[in-house]
């Protein structure tokens, strides 16, 4: 579902409601948000639609870009990231990558690519990396991202339970909104970086 720009956001305190959501952020609200990555970002599920509504509610411009079937290594070797950064000048970048690397046999071989992408995405700006909400046990790409994505902050989506489409992989709009809710809580400092993780 495409959320209204005010959906899930607190109302202005002057109206007798909760405080403005921007007031709860640890840093100033972003001016330009760039959300990019694989097909989990757009075309299939609603995570980016829901995030766009949230960030627009803060007065930010929201830009999204995605590529079908793109892997972390391919994304690293392309120039798309640099081109989008130069075109839009975001102060916040959200990466949603890794879904096409869930079953790679040697995920540790992608550590350098994760480091490279994170370094480029975070240069002079805030960066978050959303790991894929895996539909089957991965071979280790989530851990590789978590260990190598600094200085980007990592939101580990792997344990989230979300509604998925007919392929059993991509989220529906409802599932995407659930995913966005989890990220938004983490972004605002009110939720965990790894929602749904089993208790040790």
N, C-alpha and C. Protein backbone atom coordinates (compact mmCIF):
# COMPACT_ATOMS: atom_id res chain seq x y z
N UNK A 1 0.84 -1.19 0.00
CA UNK A 1 0.00 0.00 0.00
C UNK A 1 0.87 1.23 0.00
N UNK A 2 0.46 2.22 -0.76
CA UNK A 2 1.19 3.46 -0.80
C UNK A 2 0.71 4.32 0.35
N UNK A 3 1.63 4.57 1.27
CA UNK A 3 1.24 5.31 2.46
C UNK A 3 1.10 6.79 2.15
N UNK A 4 0.13 7.41 2.79
CA UNK A 4 0.02 8.86 2.73
C UNK A 4 1.24 9.46 3.38
N UNK A 5 1.63 10.67 2.96
CA UNK A 5 2.84 11.30 3.48
C UNK A 5 2.82 11.44 4.98
N UNK A 6 1.65 11.45 5.56
CA UNK A 6 1.58 11.60 7.01
C UNK A 6 1.38 10.28 7.73
N UNK A 7 1.26 9.17 6.97
CA UNK A 7 0.95 7.89 7.60
C UNK A 7 2.08 7.46 8.52
N UNK A 8 1.70 7.08 9.72
CA UNK A 8 2.67 6.59 10.67
C UNK A 8 3.51 7.67 11.31
N UNK A 9 3.29 8.93 10.94
CA UNK A 9 4.07 10.01 11.51
C UNK A 9 3.27 10.71 12.58
N UNK A 10 3.97 11.18 13.58
CA UNK A 10 3.30 11.88 14.67
C UNK A 10 2.79 13.23 14.20
N UNK A 11 1.69 13.67 14.77
CA UNK A 11 1.15 14.97 14.41
C UNK A 11 1.86 16.06 15.18
N UNK A 12 1.64 17.29 14.75
CA UNK A 12 2.29 18.42 15.39
C UNK A 12 1.76 18.62 16.79
N UNK A 13 2.67 18.90 17.71
CA UNK A 13 2.29 19.07 19.10
C UNK A 13 1.30 20.21 19.30
N UNK A 14 1.31 21.20 18.39
CA UNK A 14 0.39 22.33 18.51
C UNK A 14 -1.05 21.88 18.32
N UNK A 15 -1.24 20.73 17.65
CA UNK A 15 -2.58 20.21 17.44
C UNK A 15 -3.00 19.29 18.59
N UNK A 16 -2.15 19.23 19.62
CA UNK A 16 -2.47 18.39 20.76
C UNK A 16 -2.02 16.96 20.60
N UNK A 17 -1.28 16.66 19.50
CA UNK A 17 -0.81 15.30 19.26
C UNK A 17 0.60 15.12 19.77
N UNK A 18 1.25 14.08 19.25
CA UNK A 18 2.64 13.79 19.63
C UNK A 18 3.58 14.78 18.97
N UNK A 19 4.82 14.86 19.41
CA UNK A 19 5.78 15.78 18.82
C UNK A 19 6.05 15.48 17.36
N UNK A 20 6.54 16.48 16.65
CA UNK A 20 6.96 16.33 15.26
C UNK A 20 8.01 15.22 15.20
N UNK A 21 7.91 14.27 14.22
CA UNK A 21 8.87 13.18 14.15
C UNK A 21 10.30 13.64 13.96
N UNK A 22 10.50 14.78 13.31
CA UNK A 22 11.85 15.27 13.10
C UNK A 22 12.54 15.56 14.42
N UNK A 23 11.74 15.88 15.42
CA UNK A 23 12.32 16.23 16.72
C UNK A 23 12.90 15.01 17.42
N UNK A 24 12.49 13.80 16.99
CA UNK A 24 13.00 12.59 17.64
C UNK A 24 14.28 12.08 17.00
N UNK A 25 14.68 12.65 15.86
CA UNK A 25 15.87 12.18 15.18
C UNK A 25 17.11 12.66 15.89
N UNK A 26 18.14 11.80 15.88
CA UNK A 26 19.40 12.16 16.52
C UNK A 26 20.14 13.21 15.72
N UNK A 27 19.89 13.29 14.42
CA UNK A 27 20.54 14.26 13.54
C UNK A 27 19.46 15.06 12.83
N UNK A 28 19.84 16.21 12.24
CA UNK A 28 18.85 17.00 11.50
C UNK A 28 18.19 16.17 10.40
N UNK A 29 16.94 16.46 10.10
CA UNK A 29 16.24 15.74 9.04
C UNK A 29 16.97 15.93 7.72
N UNK A 30 17.08 14.88 6.91
CA UNK A 30 17.81 15.01 5.64
C UNK A 30 17.06 15.89 4.65
N UNK A 31 17.82 16.47 3.73
CA UNK A 31 17.22 17.27 2.67
C UNK A 31 16.95 16.43 1.43
N UNK A 32 17.89 15.54 1.11
CA UNK A 32 17.74 14.66 -0.06
C UNK A 32 18.11 13.24 0.35
N UNK A 33 17.19 12.31 0.11
CA UNK A 33 17.41 10.90 0.42
C UNK A 33 17.50 10.13 -0.89
N UNK A 34 18.53 9.31 -1.02
CA UNK A 34 18.69 8.45 -2.19
C UNK A 34 18.60 7.00 -1.73
N UNK A 35 17.58 6.29 -2.21
CA UNK A 35 17.40 4.87 -1.89
C UNK A 35 17.66 4.08 -3.16
N UNK A 36 18.64 3.20 -3.12
CA UNK A 36 19.00 2.48 -4.33
C UNK A 36 19.46 1.06 -4.01
N UNK A 37 19.44 0.22 -5.05
CA UNK A 37 19.85 -1.16 -4.86
C UNK A 37 19.22 -2.09 -5.87
N UNK A 38 18.80 -3.28 -5.40
CA UNK A 38 18.26 -4.31 -6.28
C UNK A 38 16.74 -4.22 -6.37
N UNK A 39 16.10 -5.27 -6.89
CA UNK A 39 14.66 -5.23 -7.14
C UNK A 39 13.83 -5.18 -5.86
N UNK A 40 14.44 -5.40 -4.71
CA UNK A 40 13.71 -5.22 -3.46
C UNK A 40 13.34 -3.74 -3.24
N UNK A 41 14.07 -2.86 -3.91
CA UNK A 41 13.82 -1.41 -3.76
C UNK A 41 12.58 -0.97 -4.51
N UNK A 42 12.42 -1.45 -5.72
CA UNK A 42 11.29 -0.95 -6.50
C UNK A 42 10.81 -1.94 -7.52
N UNK A 43 9.56 -1.77 -7.92
CA UNK A 43 9.01 -2.59 -8.96
C UNK A 43 8.28 -3.83 -8.44
N UNK A 44 8.59 -4.26 -7.22
CA UNK A 44 7.98 -5.47 -6.68
C UNK A 44 7.26 -5.22 -5.36
N UNK A 45 7.96 -4.64 -4.41
CA UNK A 45 7.37 -4.46 -3.08
C UNK A 45 7.35 -3.00 -2.68
N UNK A 46 6.69 -2.74 -1.57
CA UNK A 46 6.43 -1.36 -1.20
C UNK A 46 7.36 -0.72 -0.21
N UNK A 47 8.56 -1.30 0.04
CA UNK A 47 9.42 -0.70 1.06
C UNK A 47 9.82 0.73 0.70
N UNK A 48 10.16 0.96 -0.56
CA UNK A 48 10.60 2.31 -0.91
C UNK A 48 9.43 3.28 -0.98
N UNK A 49 8.24 2.78 -1.33
CA UNK A 49 7.05 3.63 -1.33
C UNK A 49 6.76 4.12 0.08
N UNK A 50 6.84 3.19 1.04
CA UNK A 50 6.56 3.55 2.42
C UNK A 50 7.63 4.49 2.96
N UNK A 51 8.90 4.24 2.63
CA UNK A 51 9.96 5.12 3.11
C UNK A 51 9.86 6.50 2.48
N UNK A 52 9.47 6.54 1.22
CA UNK A 52 9.31 7.84 0.55
C UNK A 52 8.27 8.68 1.29
N UNK A 53 7.15 8.07 1.66
CA UNK A 53 6.12 8.80 2.39
C UNK A 53 6.65 9.31 3.72
N UNK A 54 7.42 8.48 4.41
CA UNK A 54 7.97 8.88 5.70
C UNK A 54 8.92 10.07 5.58
N UNK A 55 9.85 9.96 4.64
CA UNK A 55 10.85 11.02 4.51
C UNK A 55 10.25 12.30 3.94
N UNK A 56 9.28 12.16 3.04
CA UNK A 56 8.61 13.36 2.54
C UNK A 56 7.85 14.04 3.67
N UNK A 57 7.39 13.24 4.64
CA UNK A 57 6.74 13.83 5.80
C UNK A 57 7.68 14.69 6.62
N UNK A 58 8.98 14.47 6.46
CA UNK A 58 9.99 15.30 7.12
C UNK A 58 10.43 16.48 6.25
N UNK A 59 9.86 16.56 5.05
CA UNK A 59 10.21 17.65 4.14
C UNK A 59 11.38 17.33 3.23
N UNK A 60 11.78 16.06 3.17
CA UNK A 60 12.92 15.68 2.34
C UNK A 60 12.50 15.33 0.92
N UNK A 61 13.41 15.56 -0.01
CA UNK A 61 13.24 15.05 -1.37
C UNK A 61 13.69 13.58 -1.35
N UNK A 62 12.94 12.72 -2.04
CA UNK A 62 13.25 11.28 -2.02
C UNK A 62 13.45 10.79 -3.44
N UNK A 63 14.61 10.17 -3.68
CA UNK A 63 14.95 9.64 -5.00
C UNK A 63 15.21 8.15 -4.85
N UNK A 64 14.63 7.35 -5.73
CA UNK A 64 14.88 5.91 -5.69
C UNK A 64 15.37 5.42 -7.04
N UNK A 65 16.22 4.40 -6.99
CA UNK A 65 16.74 3.80 -8.22
C UNK A 65 17.05 2.34 -7.93
N UNK A 66 16.70 1.45 -8.85
CA UNK A 66 16.96 0.03 -8.62
C UNK A 66 17.29 -0.66 -9.94
N UNK A 67 17.94 -1.80 -9.79
CA UNK A 67 18.29 -2.65 -10.92
C UNK A 67 17.87 -4.08 -10.62
N UNK A 68 17.22 -4.70 -11.56
CA UNK A 68 16.79 -6.08 -11.40
C UNK A 68 18.01 -7.00 -11.45
N UNK A 69 18.09 -7.93 -10.51
CA UNK A 69 19.12 -8.98 -10.47
C UNK A 69 20.54 -8.47 -10.24
N UNK A 70 20.70 -7.26 -9.78
CA UNK A 70 22.06 -6.74 -9.57
C UNK A 70 22.66 -7.35 -8.30
N UNK A 71 23.91 -7.76 -8.41
CA UNK A 71 24.64 -8.30 -7.27
C UNK A 71 25.49 -7.20 -6.65
N UNK A 72 26.03 -7.46 -5.47
CA UNK A 72 26.88 -6.48 -4.81
C UNK A 72 28.12 -6.20 -5.64
N UNK A 73 28.74 -7.25 -6.20
CA UNK A 73 29.96 -7.07 -6.99
C UNK A 73 29.68 -6.25 -8.25
N UNK A 74 28.58 -6.57 -8.94
CA UNK A 74 28.23 -5.80 -10.15
C UNK A 74 27.96 -4.35 -9.80
N UNK A 75 27.22 -4.12 -8.74
CA UNK A 75 26.91 -2.75 -8.31
C UNK A 75 28.19 -1.99 -7.99
N UNK A 76 29.14 -2.66 -7.37
CA UNK A 76 30.41 -2.03 -7.02
C UNK A 76 31.19 -1.64 -8.26
N UNK A 77 31.18 -2.48 -9.28
CA UNK A 77 32.00 -2.24 -10.47
C UNK A 77 31.38 -1.23 -11.42
N UNK A 78 30.08 -1.03 -11.32
CA UNK A 78 29.41 -0.05 -12.18
C UNK A 78 29.67 1.38 -11.69
N UNK A 79 29.25 2.34 -12.49
CA UNK A 79 29.40 3.75 -12.14
C UNK A 79 28.08 4.38 -11.69
N UNK A 80 27.02 3.57 -11.62
CA UNK A 80 25.70 4.11 -11.32
C UNK A 80 25.67 4.85 -9.99
N UNK A 81 26.28 4.28 -8.96
CA UNK A 81 26.27 4.92 -7.65
C UNK A 81 26.91 6.30 -7.72
N UNK A 82 28.08 6.37 -8.31
CA UNK A 82 28.76 7.68 -8.41
C UNK A 82 27.95 8.67 -9.23
N UNK A 83 27.31 8.20 -10.29
CA UNK A 83 26.51 9.09 -11.14
C UNK A 83 25.30 9.64 -10.37
N UNK A 84 24.65 8.78 -9.61
CA UNK A 84 23.48 9.23 -8.86
C UNK A 84 23.88 10.18 -7.73
N UNK A 85 25.00 9.92 -7.10
CA UNK A 85 25.48 10.81 -6.04
C UNK A 85 25.79 12.19 -6.61
N UNK A 86 26.43 12.21 -7.78
CA UNK A 86 26.80 13.48 -8.41
C UNK A 86 25.57 14.24 -8.91
N UNK A 87 24.54 13.50 -9.33
CA UNK A 87 23.34 14.14 -9.88
C UNK A 87 22.43 14.70 -8.78
N UNK A 88 22.26 13.96 -7.68
CA UNK A 88 21.25 14.33 -6.69
C UNK A 88 21.82 14.94 -5.41
N UNK A 89 23.10 14.77 -5.15
CA UNK A 89 23.75 15.32 -3.96
C UNK A 89 22.98 14.98 -2.68
N UNK A 90 22.73 13.71 -2.42
CA UNK A 90 21.99 13.33 -1.21
C UNK A 90 22.82 13.54 0.05
N UNK A 91 22.15 13.82 1.14
CA UNK A 91 22.85 13.83 2.42
C UNK A 91 22.52 12.56 3.21
N UNK A 92 21.64 11.71 2.66
CA UNK A 92 21.35 10.40 3.24
C UNK A 92 21.21 9.39 2.12
N UNK A 93 21.96 8.29 2.21
CA UNK A 93 21.88 7.20 1.23
C UNK A 93 21.42 5.94 1.94
N UNK A 94 20.45 5.25 1.36
CA UNK A 94 19.99 3.96 1.86
C UNK A 94 20.26 2.92 0.79
N UNK A 95 21.08 1.93 1.12
CA UNK A 95 21.40 0.85 0.21
C UNK A 95 20.57 -0.38 0.57
N UNK A 96 19.94 -0.99 -0.42
CA UNK A 96 19.24 -2.25 -0.22
C UNK A 96 19.82 -3.23 -1.22
N UNK A 97 20.85 -3.92 -0.79
CA UNK A 97 21.60 -4.83 -1.65
C UNK A 97 21.88 -6.14 -0.91
N UNK A 98 22.00 -7.21 -1.68
CA UNK A 98 22.36 -8.49 -1.11
C UNK A 98 21.40 -9.61 -1.44
N UNK A 99 20.20 -9.27 -1.91
CA UNK A 99 19.21 -10.31 -2.20
C UNK A 99 19.69 -11.28 -3.28
N UNK A 100 20.48 -10.78 -4.21
CA UNK A 100 20.97 -11.64 -5.29
C UNK A 100 22.28 -12.34 -4.93
N UNK A 101 22.70 -12.18 -3.68
CA UNK A 101 23.91 -12.84 -3.20
C UNK A 101 23.60 -13.77 -2.02
N UNK A 102 22.32 -14.03 -1.78
CA UNK A 102 21.91 -14.82 -0.62
C UNK A 102 22.48 -16.23 -0.66
N UNK A 103 22.65 -16.80 -1.85
CA UNK A 103 23.08 -18.18 -1.96
C UNK A 103 24.45 -18.35 -2.61
N UNK A 104 25.24 -17.29 -2.68
CA UNK A 104 26.58 -17.42 -3.28
C UNK A 104 27.40 -18.38 -2.41
N UNK A 105 28.23 -19.24 -3.03
CA UNK A 105 28.94 -20.26 -2.26
C UNK A 105 30.04 -19.71 -1.35
N UNK A 106 30.63 -18.58 -1.72
CA UNK A 106 31.72 -18.02 -0.92
C UNK A 106 31.46 -16.54 -0.66
N UNK A 107 30.51 -16.22 0.21
CA UNK A 107 30.15 -14.82 0.43
C UNK A 107 31.30 -13.96 0.95
N UNK A 108 32.27 -14.58 1.63
CA UNK A 108 33.40 -13.80 2.14
C UNK A 108 34.19 -13.15 1.02
N UNK A 109 34.07 -13.70 -0.20
CA UNK A 109 34.77 -13.11 -1.34
C UNK A 109 34.21 -11.75 -1.73
N UNK A 110 33.04 -11.41 -1.19
CA UNK A 110 32.40 -10.13 -1.50
C UNK A 110 32.70 -9.06 -0.46
N UNK A 111 33.50 -9.38 0.53
CA UNK A 111 33.80 -8.41 1.59
C UNK A 111 34.39 -7.13 1.04
N UNK A 112 35.32 -7.24 0.12
CA UNK A 112 35.95 -6.05 -0.45
C UNK A 112 34.95 -5.22 -1.24
N UNK A 113 34.00 -5.87 -1.90
CA UNK A 113 32.98 -5.15 -2.65
C UNK A 113 32.04 -4.40 -1.71
N UNK A 114 31.67 -5.05 -0.61
CA UNK A 114 30.83 -4.38 0.39
C UNK A 114 31.55 -3.15 0.93
N UNK A 115 32.81 -3.31 1.26
CA UNK A 115 33.60 -2.18 1.78
C UNK A 115 33.68 -1.04 0.76
N UNK A 116 33.87 -1.40 -0.50
CA UNK A 116 33.98 -0.38 -1.56
C UNK A 116 32.68 0.38 -1.75
N UNK A 117 31.57 -0.34 -1.82
CA UNK A 117 30.27 0.31 -1.99
C UNK A 117 29.97 1.22 -0.80
N UNK A 118 30.21 0.72 0.41
CA UNK A 118 29.94 1.51 1.61
C UNK A 118 30.81 2.76 1.66
N UNK A 119 32.05 2.62 1.27
CA UNK A 119 32.97 3.76 1.28
C UNK A 119 32.48 4.86 0.33
N UNK A 120 32.07 4.45 -0.87
CA UNK A 120 31.60 5.43 -1.85
C UNK A 120 30.27 6.05 -1.42
N UNK A 121 29.38 5.24 -0.89
CA UNK A 121 28.05 5.73 -0.51
C UNK A 121 28.10 6.68 0.68
N UNK A 122 29.05 6.48 1.57
CA UNK A 122 29.09 7.24 2.82
C UNK A 122 30.00 8.46 2.78
N UNK A 123 30.69 8.67 1.70
CA UNK A 123 31.64 9.79 1.62
C UNK A 123 30.93 11.13 1.79
N UNK A 124 31.09 11.75 2.95
CA UNK A 124 30.50 13.06 3.20
C UNK A 124 29.02 13.04 3.49
N UNK A 125 28.47 11.88 3.79
CA UNK A 125 27.02 11.80 4.01
C UNK A 125 26.69 10.62 4.93
N UNK A 126 25.47 10.60 5.43
CA UNK A 126 25.00 9.49 6.25
C UNK A 126 24.56 8.34 5.36
N UNK A 127 24.86 7.12 5.78
CA UNK A 127 24.55 5.95 4.96
C UNK A 127 24.00 4.83 5.83
N UNK A 128 22.96 4.16 5.31
CA UNK A 128 22.41 2.96 5.93
C UNK A 128 22.38 1.85 4.89
N UNK A 129 22.68 0.65 5.33
CA UNK A 129 22.60 -0.54 4.45
C UNK A 129 21.54 -1.46 5.03
N UNK A 130 20.49 -1.72 4.26
CA UNK A 130 19.43 -2.65 4.66
C UNK A 130 19.75 -4.01 4.06
N UNK A 131 19.99 -5.01 4.91
CA UNK A 131 20.23 -6.34 4.37
C UNK A 131 18.92 -6.93 3.87
N UNK A 132 19.00 -7.94 2.99
CA UNK A 132 17.75 -8.52 2.47
C UNK A 132 16.99 -9.27 3.55
N UNK A 133 15.65 -9.21 3.49
CA UNK A 133 14.83 -10.04 4.37
C UNK A 133 14.80 -11.45 3.79
N UNK A 134 15.73 -12.27 4.18
CA UNK A 134 15.93 -13.56 3.51
C UNK A 134 14.70 -14.46 3.63
N UNK A 135 14.45 -15.22 2.60
CA UNK A 135 13.29 -16.11 2.52
C UNK A 135 13.71 -17.56 2.81
N UNK A 136 15.00 -17.84 2.73
CA UNK A 136 15.59 -19.11 3.15
C UNK A 136 16.93 -18.77 3.80
N UNK A 137 17.49 -19.71 4.51
CA UNK A 137 18.76 -19.47 5.17
C UNK A 137 19.83 -19.09 4.14
N UNK A 138 20.49 -17.95 4.37
CA UNK A 138 21.54 -17.51 3.44
C UNK A 138 22.84 -18.25 3.73
N UNK A 139 23.79 -18.12 2.81
CA UNK A 139 25.09 -18.78 2.99
C UNK A 139 26.08 -17.90 3.74
N UNK A 140 25.65 -16.70 4.12
CA UNK A 140 26.52 -15.85 4.93
C UNK A 140 26.64 -14.40 4.49
N UNK A 141 25.89 -13.99 3.45
CA UNK A 141 26.05 -12.63 2.95
C UNK A 141 25.62 -11.58 3.97
N UNK A 142 24.63 -11.89 4.79
CA UNK A 142 24.19 -10.92 5.79
C UNK A 142 25.32 -10.62 6.78
N UNK A 143 26.00 -11.65 7.24
CA UNK A 143 27.12 -11.43 8.16
C UNK A 143 28.24 -10.67 7.48
N UNK A 144 28.50 -10.95 6.22
CA UNK A 144 29.55 -10.24 5.48
C UNK A 144 29.22 -8.75 5.40
N UNK A 145 27.96 -8.43 5.13
CA UNK A 145 27.54 -7.03 5.08
C UNK A 145 27.71 -6.38 6.45
N UNK A 146 27.25 -7.05 7.48
CA UNK A 146 27.32 -6.49 8.83
C UNK A 146 28.76 -6.22 9.27
N UNK A 147 29.68 -7.05 8.83
CA UNK A 147 31.07 -6.91 9.25
C UNK A 147 31.87 -5.93 8.39
N UNK A 148 31.36 -5.59 7.21
CA UNK A 148 32.17 -4.81 6.28
C UNK A 148 31.53 -3.53 5.76
N UNK A 149 30.33 -3.21 6.18
CA UNK A 149 29.62 -2.05 5.62
C UNK A 149 29.94 -0.73 6.31
N UNK A 150 30.74 -0.72 7.36
CA UNK A 150 31.10 0.54 8.02
C UNK A 150 31.82 1.43 7.01
N UNK A 151 31.58 2.76 7.07
CA UNK A 151 30.85 3.50 8.11
C UNK A 151 29.33 3.56 7.93
N UNK A 152 28.78 2.84 6.95
CA UNK A 152 27.33 2.77 6.85
C UNK A 152 26.79 2.01 8.07
N UNK A 153 25.67 2.44 8.58
CA UNK A 153 24.99 1.70 9.64
C UNK A 153 24.18 0.58 8.99
N UNK A 154 24.16 -0.58 9.61
CA UNK A 154 23.49 -1.73 9.01
C UNK A 154 22.18 -2.02 9.73
N UNK A 155 21.12 -2.10 8.94
CA UNK A 155 19.82 -2.55 9.45
C UNK A 155 19.64 -3.98 8.97
N UNK A 156 19.72 -4.93 9.88
CA UNK A 156 19.66 -6.35 9.54
C UNK A 156 18.20 -6.78 9.44
N UNK A 157 17.73 -6.94 8.21
CA UNK A 157 16.33 -7.30 7.95
C UNK A 157 16.12 -8.80 7.88
N UNK A 158 17.18 -9.58 8.04
CA UNK A 158 17.12 -11.00 7.69
C UNK A 158 16.10 -11.81 8.49
N UNK A 159 15.77 -11.38 9.71
CA UNK A 159 14.83 -12.14 10.53
C UNK A 159 13.41 -11.59 10.50
N UNK A 160 13.17 -10.58 9.68
CA UNK A 160 11.85 -9.97 9.66
C UNK A 160 10.84 -10.88 8.95
N UNK A 161 9.66 -10.92 9.50
CA UNK A 161 8.55 -11.68 8.90
C UNK A 161 7.69 -10.70 8.12
N UNK A 162 7.71 -10.83 6.81
CA UNK A 162 6.97 -9.89 5.97
C UNK A 162 6.13 -10.66 4.95
N UNK A 163 5.06 -10.02 4.50
CA UNK A 163 4.22 -10.62 3.46
C UNK A 163 4.96 -10.56 2.13
N UNK A 164 4.92 -11.66 1.39
CA UNK A 164 5.65 -11.73 0.13
C UNK A 164 4.71 -12.05 -1.03
N UNK A 165 5.17 -11.71 -2.22
CA UNK A 165 4.38 -11.95 -3.42
C UNK A 165 4.37 -13.39 -3.85
N UNK A 166 3.88 -13.64 -5.04
CA UNK A 166 3.73 -15.00 -5.54
C UNK A 166 5.02 -15.76 -5.69
N UNK A 167 6.16 -15.06 -5.85
CA UNK A 167 7.43 -15.76 -5.98
C UNK A 167 8.00 -16.19 -4.63
N UNK A 168 7.35 -15.75 -3.55
CA UNK A 168 7.82 -16.11 -2.22
C UNK A 168 9.08 -15.38 -1.80
N UNK A 169 9.49 -14.41 -2.58
CA UNK A 169 10.75 -13.69 -2.32
C UNK A 169 10.50 -12.20 -2.11
N UNK A 170 9.96 -11.55 -3.13
CA UNK A 170 9.77 -10.11 -3.06
C UNK A 170 8.57 -9.75 -2.19
N UNK A 171 8.70 -8.70 -1.39
CA UNK A 171 7.57 -8.32 -0.53
C UNK A 171 6.42 -7.72 -1.32
N UNK A 172 5.22 -7.95 -0.83
CA UNK A 172 4.07 -7.22 -1.33
C UNK A 172 4.17 -5.79 -0.81
N UNK A 173 3.25 -4.94 -1.23
CA UNK A 173 3.24 -3.58 -0.69
C UNK A 173 3.05 -3.60 0.83
N UNK A 174 2.20 -4.52 1.31
CA UNK A 174 2.00 -4.64 2.75
C UNK A 174 3.28 -5.12 3.43
N UNK A 175 3.94 -6.11 2.84
CA UNK A 175 5.19 -6.60 3.39
C UNK A 175 6.27 -5.54 3.36
N UNK A 176 6.30 -4.76 2.28
CA UNK A 176 7.26 -3.67 2.18
C UNK A 176 7.04 -2.60 3.23
N UNK A 177 5.76 -2.34 3.53
CA UNK A 177 5.44 -1.35 4.56
C UNK A 177 5.89 -1.84 5.93
N UNK A 178 5.73 -3.14 6.19
CA UNK A 178 6.21 -3.72 7.45
C UNK A 178 7.72 -3.58 7.55
N UNK A 179 8.40 -3.87 6.47
CA UNK A 179 9.86 -3.74 6.40
C UNK A 179 10.27 -2.30 6.66
N UNK A 180 9.58 -1.38 6.02
CA UNK A 180 9.88 0.04 6.20
C UNK A 180 9.64 0.48 7.64
N UNK A 181 8.60 -0.06 8.27
CA UNK A 181 8.32 0.28 9.67
C UNK A 181 9.51 -0.08 10.56
N UNK A 182 10.08 -1.27 10.32
CA UNK A 182 11.22 -1.70 11.11
C UNK A 182 12.42 -0.81 10.92
N UNK A 183 12.69 -0.47 9.66
CA UNK A 183 13.83 0.41 9.39
C UNK A 183 13.60 1.79 9.99
N UNK A 184 12.38 2.29 9.85
CA UNK A 184 12.07 3.63 10.34
C UNK A 184 12.27 3.74 11.84
N UNK A 185 11.85 2.71 12.57
CA UNK A 185 12.05 2.71 14.02
C UNK A 185 13.53 2.75 14.36
N UNK A 186 14.33 1.98 13.63
CA UNK A 186 15.78 1.99 13.85
C UNK A 186 16.37 3.35 13.50
N UNK A 187 15.94 3.90 12.39
CA UNK A 187 16.43 5.20 11.94
C UNK A 187 16.13 6.29 12.97
N UNK A 188 14.97 6.21 13.58
CA UNK A 188 14.60 7.20 14.58
C UNK A 188 15.18 6.91 15.96
N UNK A 189 15.84 5.78 16.10
CA UNK A 189 16.45 5.44 17.37
C UNK A 189 15.49 4.82 18.37
N UNK A 190 14.35 4.32 17.88
CA UNK A 190 13.36 3.72 18.78
C UNK A 190 13.20 2.22 18.57
N UNK A 191 13.95 1.66 17.61
CA UNK A 191 13.83 0.24 17.34
C UNK A 191 15.20 -0.40 17.18
N UNK A 192 15.27 -1.73 17.20
CA UNK A 192 16.55 -2.45 17.12
C UNK A 192 17.12 -2.48 15.71
N UNK A 193 18.42 -2.68 15.62
CA UNK A 193 19.07 -2.82 14.32
C UNK A 193 18.81 -4.18 13.70
N UNK A 194 18.38 -5.14 14.54
CA UNK A 194 18.13 -6.50 14.06
C UNK A 194 16.77 -6.98 14.58
N UNK A 195 15.69 -6.46 14.02
CA UNK A 195 14.36 -6.86 14.52
C UNK A 195 14.07 -8.32 14.21
N UNK A 196 13.38 -8.96 15.13
CA UNK A 196 12.98 -10.35 14.92
C UNK A 196 14.05 -11.37 15.19
N UNK A 197 15.23 -10.93 15.64
CA UNK A 197 16.31 -11.88 15.89
C UNK A 197 15.93 -12.81 17.04
N UNK A 198 16.27 -14.09 16.92
CA UNK A 198 15.94 -15.02 18.01
C UNK A 198 16.73 -14.69 19.27
N UNK A 199 16.10 -14.92 20.40
CA UNK A 199 16.76 -14.67 21.67
C UNK A 199 17.83 -15.73 21.92
N UNK A 200 19.06 -15.31 22.26
CA UNK A 200 20.14 -16.29 22.49
C UNK A 200 19.77 -17.26 23.60
